[in-house]
Amino acid sequence: MNIHIRNAKEKDLDEILLLLSQVLEIHAAIRPDIFISGTTKYSKEKLRTIISDQNRPVYVAVTDEDHVAGYAFCQFKEQPVSENMVPFSSLYIDDLCVDGNIRGKHIGRQLFEHVKQEAKAHGCYEVTLNVWEGNVNAQTFYEKMGLKVQASHMEYIL
């Protein structure tokens, strides 16, 4: 299967929404106390806004037939300048998904490599992301991509 990475277009929205629902169901299975099964992170209207925002690029992995096989929602961020931190920019991966029916074909690796190239081209210091505890497949994938834990976000449920 040949895969090409490009910026998302409006014609991709329905296929992106299907993938967003796959990700939501993974999260809802792990944390039903937080995520609502049967929903998606973004509405179609919100997706339109996101893909037109230069600061929030959405990269899609598409087949030769131009079907969306995966995506990476990203956001350029400037780290806050404070007395104890060096200012720098980063590219944050808000969401990365490969269609569950075709995982294991290195599409996620291609998406991640594309994100790294874009980050370098924009002068970013790092690529960051968050992974929900319990999402072992995602954690394993990101470790294979060379990511390391930077900080831990902890909770105490009342």
N, C-alpha and C. Protein backbone atom coordinates (compact mmCIF):
# COMPACT_ATOMS: atom_id res chain seq x y z
N MET A 1 0.84 -1.18 0.00
CA MET A 1 0.00 0.00 0.00
C MET A 1 0.89 1.24 0.00
N ASN A 2 0.69 2.09 -0.99
CA ASN A 2 1.43 3.34 -1.05
C ASN A 2 0.69 4.40 -0.25
N ILE A 3 1.44 5.11 0.56
CA ILE A 3 0.87 6.17 1.41
C ILE A 3 1.61 7.46 1.13
N HIS A 4 0.84 8.54 1.07
CA HIS A 4 1.39 9.88 0.88
C HIS A 4 0.87 10.75 2.03
N ILE A 5 1.71 11.63 2.52
CA ILE A 5 1.31 12.54 3.60
C ILE A 5 1.10 13.93 3.00
N ARG A 6 -0.02 14.52 3.34
CA ARG A 6 -0.32 15.88 2.87
C ARG A 6 -1.15 16.58 3.93
N ASN A 7 -1.37 17.89 3.73
CA ASN A 7 -2.25 18.63 4.63
C ASN A 7 -3.69 18.21 4.37
N ALA A 8 -4.47 18.19 5.43
CA ALA A 8 -5.89 17.83 5.31
C ALA A 8 -6.63 18.88 4.50
N LYS A 9 -7.65 18.39 3.78
CA LYS A 9 -8.52 19.25 2.97
C LYS A 9 -9.95 19.04 3.44
N GLU A 10 -10.81 19.95 3.05
CA GLU A 10 -12.22 19.85 3.45
C GLU A 10 -12.83 18.53 2.99
N LYS A 11 -12.43 18.02 1.85
CA LYS A 11 -13.00 16.76 1.35
C LYS A 11 -12.64 15.56 2.24
N ASP A 12 -11.68 15.72 3.14
CA ASP A 12 -11.24 14.64 4.04
C ASP A 12 -12.06 14.58 5.34
N LEU A 13 -12.89 15.55 5.58
CA LEU A 13 -13.52 15.68 6.90
C LEU A 13 -14.31 14.44 7.33
N ASP A 14 -15.10 13.86 6.44
CA ASP A 14 -15.91 12.70 6.82
C ASP A 14 -15.02 11.52 7.21
N GLU A 15 -13.95 11.30 6.47
CA GLU A 15 -13.05 10.19 6.80
C GLU A 15 -12.28 10.46 8.09
N ILE A 16 -11.91 11.70 8.32
CA ILE A 16 -11.24 12.07 9.57
C ILE A 16 -12.19 11.84 10.75
N LEU A 17 -13.45 12.20 10.59
CA LEU A 17 -14.43 11.99 11.67
C LEU A 17 -14.56 10.50 12.02
N LEU A 18 -14.51 9.63 11.02
CA LEU A 18 -14.56 8.19 11.29
C LEU A 18 -13.37 7.75 12.14
N LEU A 19 -12.20 8.28 11.81
CA LEU A 19 -11.00 7.93 12.59
C LEU A 19 -11.06 8.53 13.99
N LEU A 20 -11.58 9.75 14.09
CA LEU A 20 -11.75 10.36 15.42
C LEU A 20 -12.64 9.49 16.30
N SER A 21 -13.65 8.88 15.71
CA SER A 21 -14.53 8.01 16.50
C SER A 21 -13.79 6.76 16.96
N GLN A 22 -12.86 6.25 16.14
CA GLN A 22 -12.07 5.09 16.58
C GLN A 22 -11.23 5.45 17.81
N VAL A 23 -10.60 6.60 17.77
CA VAL A 23 -9.77 7.04 18.89
C VAL A 23 -10.62 7.24 20.13
N LEU A 24 -11.78 7.87 19.95
CA LEU A 24 -12.65 8.10 21.10
C LEU A 24 -13.05 6.79 21.77
N GLU A 25 -13.34 5.77 20.98
CA GLU A 25 -13.76 4.50 21.56
C GLU A 25 -12.62 3.84 22.34
N ILE A 26 -11.39 4.01 21.89
CA ILE A 26 -10.24 3.51 22.66
C ILE A 26 -10.18 4.22 24.00
N HIS A 27 -10.32 5.55 23.97
CA HIS A 27 -10.27 6.33 25.20
C HIS A 27 -11.46 6.03 26.12
N ALA A 28 -12.64 5.85 25.52
CA ALA A 28 -13.83 5.56 26.33
C ALA A 28 -13.72 4.20 27.01
N ALA A 29 -13.06 3.26 26.36
CA ALA A 29 -12.86 1.94 26.98
C ALA A 29 -11.91 2.04 28.16
N ILE A 30 -10.90 2.91 28.05
CA ILE A 30 -9.91 3.08 29.11
C ILE A 30 -10.48 3.94 30.25
N ARG A 31 -11.16 5.04 29.89
CA ARG A 31 -11.65 6.00 30.88
C ARG A 31 -13.11 6.36 30.62
N PRO A 32 -14.04 5.44 30.88
CA PRO A 32 -15.46 5.76 30.68
C PRO A 32 -15.97 6.83 31.64
N ASP A 33 -15.20 7.13 32.67
CA ASP A 33 -15.57 8.20 33.59
C ASP A 33 -15.32 9.58 32.99
N ILE A 34 -14.57 9.64 31.90
CA ILE A 34 -14.22 10.91 31.28
C ILE A 34 -14.76 11.02 29.86
N PHE A 35 -14.62 9.96 29.07
CA PHE A 35 -14.98 10.00 27.65
C PHE A 35 -16.36 9.40 27.40
N ILE A 36 -17.12 10.00 26.51
CA ILE A 36 -18.47 9.57 26.18
C ILE A 36 -18.45 8.77 24.88
N SER A 37 -18.72 7.49 24.98
CA SER A 37 -18.75 6.61 23.82
C SER A 37 -19.77 7.14 22.80
N GLY A 38 -19.45 6.97 21.52
CA GLY A 38 -20.36 7.39 20.47
C GLY A 38 -20.21 8.85 20.06
N THR A 39 -19.22 9.54 20.63
CA THR A 39 -18.98 10.94 20.28
C THR A 39 -17.63 11.05 19.57
N THR A 40 -17.27 12.26 19.19
CA THR A 40 -15.94 12.53 18.65
C THR A 40 -15.38 13.79 19.31
N LYS A 41 -14.08 13.92 19.23
CA LYS A 41 -13.39 15.05 19.85
C LYS A 41 -13.80 16.38 19.23
N TYR A 42 -14.01 16.37 17.92
CA TYR A 42 -14.37 17.59 17.18
C TYR A 42 -15.60 17.34 16.33
N SER A 43 -16.39 18.38 16.13
CA SER A 43 -17.50 18.33 15.18
C SER A 43 -16.95 18.64 13.78
N LYS A 44 -17.75 18.40 12.78
CA LYS A 44 -17.35 18.70 11.41
C LYS A 44 -17.07 20.20 11.25
N GLU A 45 -17.88 21.03 11.90
CA GLU A 45 -17.69 22.48 11.82
C GLU A 45 -16.36 22.89 12.46
N LYS A 46 -16.06 22.30 13.62
CA LYS A 46 -14.80 22.60 14.30
C LYS A 46 -13.62 22.12 13.45
N LEU A 47 -13.76 20.95 12.81
CA LEU A 47 -12.69 20.45 11.93
C LEU A 47 -12.41 21.43 10.79
N ARG A 48 -13.46 22.01 10.23
CA ARG A 48 -13.27 23.00 9.16
C ARG A 48 -12.40 24.17 9.65
N THR A 49 -12.69 24.62 10.85
CA THR A 49 -11.92 25.72 11.43
C THR A 49 -10.47 25.30 11.67
N ILE A 50 -10.29 24.11 12.20
CA ILE A 50 -8.93 23.64 12.52
C ILE A 50 -8.09 23.51 11.27
N ILE A 51 -8.62 22.90 10.21
CA ILE A 51 -7.77 22.67 9.02
C ILE A 51 -7.45 23.96 8.27
N SER A 52 -8.15 25.04 8.58
CA SER A 52 -7.82 26.31 7.95
C SER A 52 -6.85 27.15 8.80
N ASP A 53 -6.51 26.67 9.98
CA ASP A 53 -5.64 27.40 10.91
C ASP A 53 -4.19 26.99 10.69
N GLN A 54 -3.37 27.90 10.22
CA GLN A 54 -1.96 27.63 9.93
C GLN A 54 -1.18 27.20 11.17
N ASN A 55 -1.65 27.61 12.34
CA ASN A 55 -0.97 27.27 13.59
C ASN A 55 -1.36 25.87 14.10
N ARG A 56 -2.35 25.26 13.45
CA ARG A 56 -2.84 23.95 13.87
C ARG A 56 -2.91 23.00 12.66
N PRO A 57 -1.77 22.66 12.09
CA PRO A 57 -1.81 21.81 10.89
C PRO A 57 -2.35 20.41 11.19
N VAL A 58 -3.09 19.89 10.23
CA VAL A 58 -3.57 18.51 10.29
C VAL A 58 -2.99 17.81 9.06
N TYR A 59 -2.17 16.81 9.32
CA TYR A 59 -1.55 16.04 8.25
C TYR A 59 -2.33 14.74 8.10
N VAL A 60 -2.60 14.35 6.86
CA VAL A 60 -3.30 13.09 6.62
C VAL A 60 -2.42 12.17 5.80
N ALA A 61 -2.49 10.89 6.15
CA ALA A 61 -1.85 9.84 5.36
C ALA A 61 -2.92 9.31 4.43
N VAL A 62 -2.68 9.42 3.13
CA VAL A 62 -3.69 9.00 2.16
C VAL A 62 -3.14 7.92 1.24
N THR A 63 -4.05 7.07 0.78
CA THR A 63 -3.71 6.01 -0.16
C THR A 63 -3.61 6.59 -1.57
N ASP A 64 -3.20 5.76 -2.52
CA ASP A 64 -3.17 6.20 -3.92
C ASP A 64 -4.53 6.65 -4.41
N GLU A 65 -5.59 6.09 -3.81
CA GLU A 65 -6.95 6.48 -4.17
C GLU A 65 -7.42 7.71 -3.39
N ASP A 66 -6.53 8.30 -2.62
CA ASP A 66 -6.77 9.51 -1.83
C ASP A 66 -7.76 9.28 -0.69
N HIS A 67 -7.77 8.07 -0.12
CA HIS A 67 -8.56 7.79 1.07
C HIS A 67 -7.68 8.02 2.30
N VAL A 68 -8.26 8.60 3.33
CA VAL A 68 -7.51 8.90 4.55
C VAL A 68 -7.30 7.62 5.36
N ALA A 69 -6.04 7.27 5.54
CA ALA A 69 -5.66 6.07 6.31
C ALA A 69 -5.22 6.44 7.72
N GLY A 70 -4.94 7.71 7.95
CA GLY A 70 -4.50 8.17 9.27
C GLY A 70 -4.36 9.68 9.28
N TYR A 71 -4.16 10.22 10.45
CA TYR A 71 -3.98 11.66 10.58
C TYR A 71 -3.10 11.99 11.76
N ALA A 72 -2.60 13.23 11.76
CA ALA A 72 -1.90 13.80 12.91
C ALA A 72 -2.39 15.24 13.05
N PHE A 73 -3.12 15.51 14.13
CA PHE A 73 -3.53 16.87 14.47
C PHE A 73 -2.38 17.48 15.26
N CYS A 74 -1.90 18.62 14.83
CA CYS A 74 -0.76 19.24 15.49
C CYS A 74 -1.06 20.69 15.86
N GLN A 75 -0.20 21.24 16.70
CA GLN A 75 -0.32 22.65 17.08
C GLN A 75 1.06 23.20 17.41
N PHE A 76 1.39 24.32 16.77
CA PHE A 76 2.65 25.00 17.09
C PHE A 76 2.45 25.76 18.39
N LYS A 77 3.42 25.61 19.30
CA LYS A 77 3.33 26.27 20.61
C LYS A 77 4.65 26.96 20.93
N GLU A 78 4.53 28.11 21.55
CA GLU A 78 5.68 28.82 22.10
C GLU A 78 5.68 28.57 23.59
N GLN A 79 6.78 28.08 24.09
CA GLN A 79 6.85 27.81 25.53
C GLN A 79 6.92 29.12 26.27
N PRO A 80 6.24 29.18 27.39
CA PRO A 80 6.20 30.45 28.13
C PRO A 80 7.60 30.87 28.58
N VAL A 81 7.83 32.13 28.41
CA VAL A 81 9.11 32.68 28.86
C VAL A 81 8.98 33.00 30.34
N SER A 82 9.89 32.47 31.12
CA SER A 82 9.94 32.78 32.54
C SER A 82 11.40 32.91 32.94
N GLU A 83 11.62 33.32 34.14
CA GLU A 83 12.98 33.53 34.62
C GLU A 83 13.80 32.25 34.66
N ASN A 84 13.13 31.09 34.76
CA ASN A 84 13.89 29.85 34.93
C ASN A 84 13.82 28.92 33.72
N MET A 85 13.28 29.40 32.58
CA MET A 85 13.17 28.54 31.40
C MET A 85 13.69 29.24 30.15
N VAL A 86 14.31 28.46 29.32
CA VAL A 86 14.76 28.95 28.02
C VAL A 86 13.55 29.00 27.09
N PRO A 87 13.33 30.10 26.39
CA PRO A 87 12.20 30.14 25.45
C PRO A 87 12.46 29.23 24.25
N PHE A 88 11.44 28.51 23.81
CA PHE A 88 11.56 27.66 22.64
C PHE A 88 10.18 27.34 22.09
N SER A 89 10.16 26.88 20.86
CA SER A 89 8.90 26.49 20.24
C SER A 89 8.86 24.97 20.09
N SER A 90 7.65 24.46 20.05
CA SER A 90 7.46 23.02 19.90
C SER A 90 6.27 22.76 18.98
N LEU A 91 6.24 21.56 18.46
CA LEU A 91 5.08 21.11 17.70
C LEU A 91 4.42 20.02 18.53
N TYR A 92 3.22 20.32 18.99
CA TYR A 92 2.47 19.42 19.86
C TYR A 92 1.55 18.57 19.00
N ILE A 93 1.61 17.25 19.17
CA ILE A 93 0.69 16.35 18.48
C ILE A 93 -0.53 16.20 19.38
N ASP A 94 -1.62 16.80 18.95
CA ASP A 94 -2.86 16.76 19.72
C ASP A 94 -3.54 15.40 19.57
N ASP A 95 -3.36 14.76 18.43
CA ASP A 95 -4.01 13.48 18.17
C ASP A 95 -3.33 12.84 16.96
N LEU A 96 -3.05 11.56 17.05
CA LEU A 96 -2.48 10.81 15.93
C LEU A 96 -3.23 9.49 15.87
N CYS A 97 -3.71 9.14 14.68
CA CYS A 97 -4.49 7.91 14.53
C CYS A 97 -4.22 7.28 13.17
N VAL A 98 -4.16 5.97 13.16
CA VAL A 98 -4.15 5.18 11.93
C VAL A 98 -5.38 4.29 11.99
N ASP A 99 -6.07 4.18 10.88
CA ASP A 99 -7.27 3.35 10.80
C ASP A 99 -6.98 1.97 11.39
N GLY A 100 -7.80 1.56 12.34
CA GLY A 100 -7.60 0.30 13.03
C GLY A 100 -7.61 -0.91 12.10
N ASN A 101 -8.21 -0.78 10.93
CA ASN A 101 -8.27 -1.89 9.97
C ASN A 101 -6.96 -2.09 9.22
N ILE A 102 -6.07 -1.10 9.28
CA ILE A 102 -4.82 -1.21 8.51
C ILE A 102 -3.58 -0.86 9.33
N ARG A 103 -3.69 -0.95 10.64
CA ARG A 103 -2.52 -0.69 11.49
C ARG A 103 -1.47 -1.77 11.25
N GLY A 104 -0.23 -1.46 11.56
CA GLY A 104 0.86 -2.41 11.40
C GLY A 104 1.55 -2.30 10.05
N LYS A 105 1.20 -1.30 9.25
CA LYS A 105 1.80 -1.11 7.93
C LYS A 105 2.73 0.10 7.91
N HIS A 106 3.15 0.56 9.08
CA HIS A 106 4.10 1.66 9.25
C HIS A 106 3.55 3.03 8.83
N ILE A 107 2.24 3.15 8.76
CA ILE A 107 1.63 4.43 8.43
C ILE A 107 1.83 5.42 9.57
N GLY A 108 1.69 4.96 10.81
CA GLY A 108 1.93 5.83 11.96
C GLY A 108 3.35 6.35 11.98
N ARG A 109 4.30 5.47 11.64
CA ARG A 109 5.71 5.89 11.56
C ARG A 109 5.88 6.98 10.51
N GLN A 110 5.24 6.81 9.35
CA GLN A 110 5.34 7.82 8.29
C GLN A 110 4.75 9.15 8.76
N LEU A 111 3.61 9.10 9.42
CA LEU A 111 3.01 10.33 9.94
C LEU A 111 3.93 11.00 10.95
N PHE A 112 4.47 10.21 11.87
CA PHE A 112 5.33 10.79 12.90
C PHE A 112 6.59 11.38 12.27
N GLU A 113 7.18 10.70 11.31
CA GLU A 113 8.37 11.24 10.63
C GLU A 113 8.04 12.54 9.91
N HIS A 114 6.86 12.62 9.31
CA HIS A 114 6.44 13.85 8.64
C HIS A 114 6.30 14.99 9.65
N VAL A 115 5.71 14.69 10.79
CA VAL A 115 5.56 15.70 11.84
C VAL A 115 6.93 16.19 12.29
N LYS A 116 7.87 15.29 12.48
CA LYS A 116 9.23 15.69 12.88
C LYS A 116 9.86 16.60 11.82
N GLN A 117 9.70 16.25 10.55
CA GLN A 117 10.26 17.09 9.48
C GLN A 117 9.64 18.48 9.48
N GLU A 118 8.32 18.54 9.67
CA GLU A 118 7.64 19.84 9.72
C GLU A 118 8.12 20.66 10.91
N ALA A 119 8.29 20.00 12.05
CA ALA A 119 8.78 20.70 13.24
C ALA A 119 10.17 21.28 12.99
N LYS A 120 11.05 20.48 12.40
CA LYS A 120 12.39 20.98 12.08
C LYS A 120 12.33 22.15 11.11
N ALA A 121 11.50 22.03 10.08
CA ALA A 121 11.38 23.09 9.07
C ALA A 121 10.88 24.40 9.68
N HIS A 122 10.13 24.31 10.76
CA HIS A 122 9.61 25.50 11.43
C HIS A 122 10.47 25.93 12.61
N GLY A 123 11.63 25.34 12.77
CA GLY A 123 12.56 25.74 13.82
C GLY A 123 12.17 25.32 15.22
N CYS A 124 11.37 24.30 15.34
CA CYS A 124 10.96 23.82 16.66
C CYS A 124 12.09 23.09 17.35
N TYR A 125 12.10 23.18 18.66
CA TYR A 125 13.07 22.48 19.50
C TYR A 125 12.66 21.03 19.71
N GLU A 126 11.34 20.77 19.77
CA GLU A 126 10.85 19.44 20.13
C GLU A 126 9.49 19.17 19.52
N VAL A 127 9.12 17.88 19.56
CA VAL A 127 7.77 17.42 19.28
C VAL A 127 7.26 16.80 20.57
N THR A 128 6.06 17.19 20.99
CA THR A 128 5.50 16.67 22.24
C THR A 128 4.11 16.12 22.00
N LEU A 129 3.64 15.33 22.96
CA LEU A 129 2.28 14.80 22.92
C LEU A 129 1.93 14.25 24.28
N ASN A 130 0.67 13.94 24.47
CA ASN A 130 0.19 13.29 25.69
C ASN A 130 -0.40 11.94 25.31
N VAL A 131 -0.25 10.97 26.20
CA VAL A 131 -0.84 9.65 26.02
C VAL A 131 -1.60 9.30 27.29
N TRP A 132 -2.83 8.84 27.12
CA TRP A 132 -3.61 8.43 28.28
C TRP A 132 -3.03 7.17 28.89
N GLU A 133 -2.91 7.17 30.20
CA GLU A 133 -2.47 5.98 30.92
C GLU A 133 -3.43 4.84 30.59
N GLY A 134 -2.89 3.69 30.28
CA GLY A 134 -3.71 2.55 29.90
C GLY A 134 -3.78 2.34 28.40
N ASN A 135 -3.38 3.33 27.63
CA ASN A 135 -3.35 3.18 26.17
C ASN A 135 -1.99 2.58 25.80
N VAL A 136 -1.83 1.32 26.12
CA VAL A 136 -0.54 0.63 26.00
C VAL A 136 -0.05 0.60 24.56
N ASN A 137 -0.95 0.38 23.60
CA ASN A 137 -0.53 0.35 22.20
C ASN A 137 0.08 1.67 21.77
N ALA A 138 -0.55 2.77 22.16
CA ALA A 138 -0.01 4.09 21.81
C ALA A 138 1.31 4.33 22.52
N GLN A 139 1.39 3.99 23.80
CA GLN A 139 2.63 4.19 24.55
C GLN A 139 3.78 3.40 23.90
N THR A 140 3.51 2.16 23.54
CA THR A 140 4.54 1.33 22.91
C THR A 140 4.97 1.92 21.58
N PHE A 141 4.00 2.37 20.77
CA PHE A 141 4.31 2.98 19.48
C PHE A 141 5.22 4.19 19.66
N TYR A 142 4.84 5.09 20.57
CA TYR A 142 5.63 6.32 20.75
C TYR A 142 7.02 6.02 21.30
N GLU A 143 7.14 5.03 22.15
CA GLU A 143 8.47 4.64 22.62
C GLU A 143 9.32 4.13 21.45
N LYS A 144 8.71 3.36 20.55
CA LYS A 144 9.44 2.89 19.35
C LYS A 144 9.88 4.06 18.47
N MET A 145 9.10 5.15 18.50
CA MET A 145 9.45 6.34 17.72
C MET A 145 10.53 7.17 18.40
N GLY A 146 10.94 6.77 19.61
CA GLY A 146 12.02 7.45 20.31
C GLY A 146 11.57 8.48 21.33
N LEU A 147 10.28 8.61 21.57
CA LEU A 147 9.82 9.57 22.57
C LEU A 147 10.12 9.07 23.97
N LYS A 148 10.39 9.99 24.85
CA LYS A 148 10.67 9.71 26.26
C LYS A 148 9.69 10.51 27.11
N VAL A 149 9.41 10.03 28.30
CA VAL A 149 8.54 10.75 29.23
C VAL A 149 9.24 12.04 29.64
N GLN A 150 8.54 13.16 29.47
CA GLN A 150 9.07 14.46 29.85
C GLN A 150 8.55 14.86 31.23
N ALA A 151 7.28 14.59 31.47
CA ALA A 151 6.65 14.92 32.75
C ALA A 151 5.43 14.01 32.89
N SER A 152 4.95 13.87 34.10
CA SER A 152 3.76 13.07 34.32
C SER A 152 2.65 13.97 34.84
N HIS A 153 1.48 13.82 34.28
CA HIS A 153 0.29 14.54 34.71
C HIS A 153 -0.49 13.58 35.59
N MET A 154 -0.67 13.91 36.85
CA MET A 154 -1.27 12.99 37.79
C MET A 154 -2.63 13.52 38.25
N GLU A 155 -3.45 12.60 38.78
CA GLU A 155 -4.78 12.98 39.24
C GLU A 155 -5.12 12.26 40.53
N TYR A 156 -6.05 12.84 41.24
CA TYR A 156 -6.65 12.21 42.41
C TYR A 156 -8.15 12.39 42.24
N ILE A 157 -8.85 11.30 41.97
CA ILE A 157 -10.29 11.37 41.73
C ILE A 157 -11.02 11.40 43.06
N LEU A 158 -11.88 12.37 43.21
CA LEU A 158 -12.63 12.55 44.46
C LEU A 158 -13.89 11.71 44.48
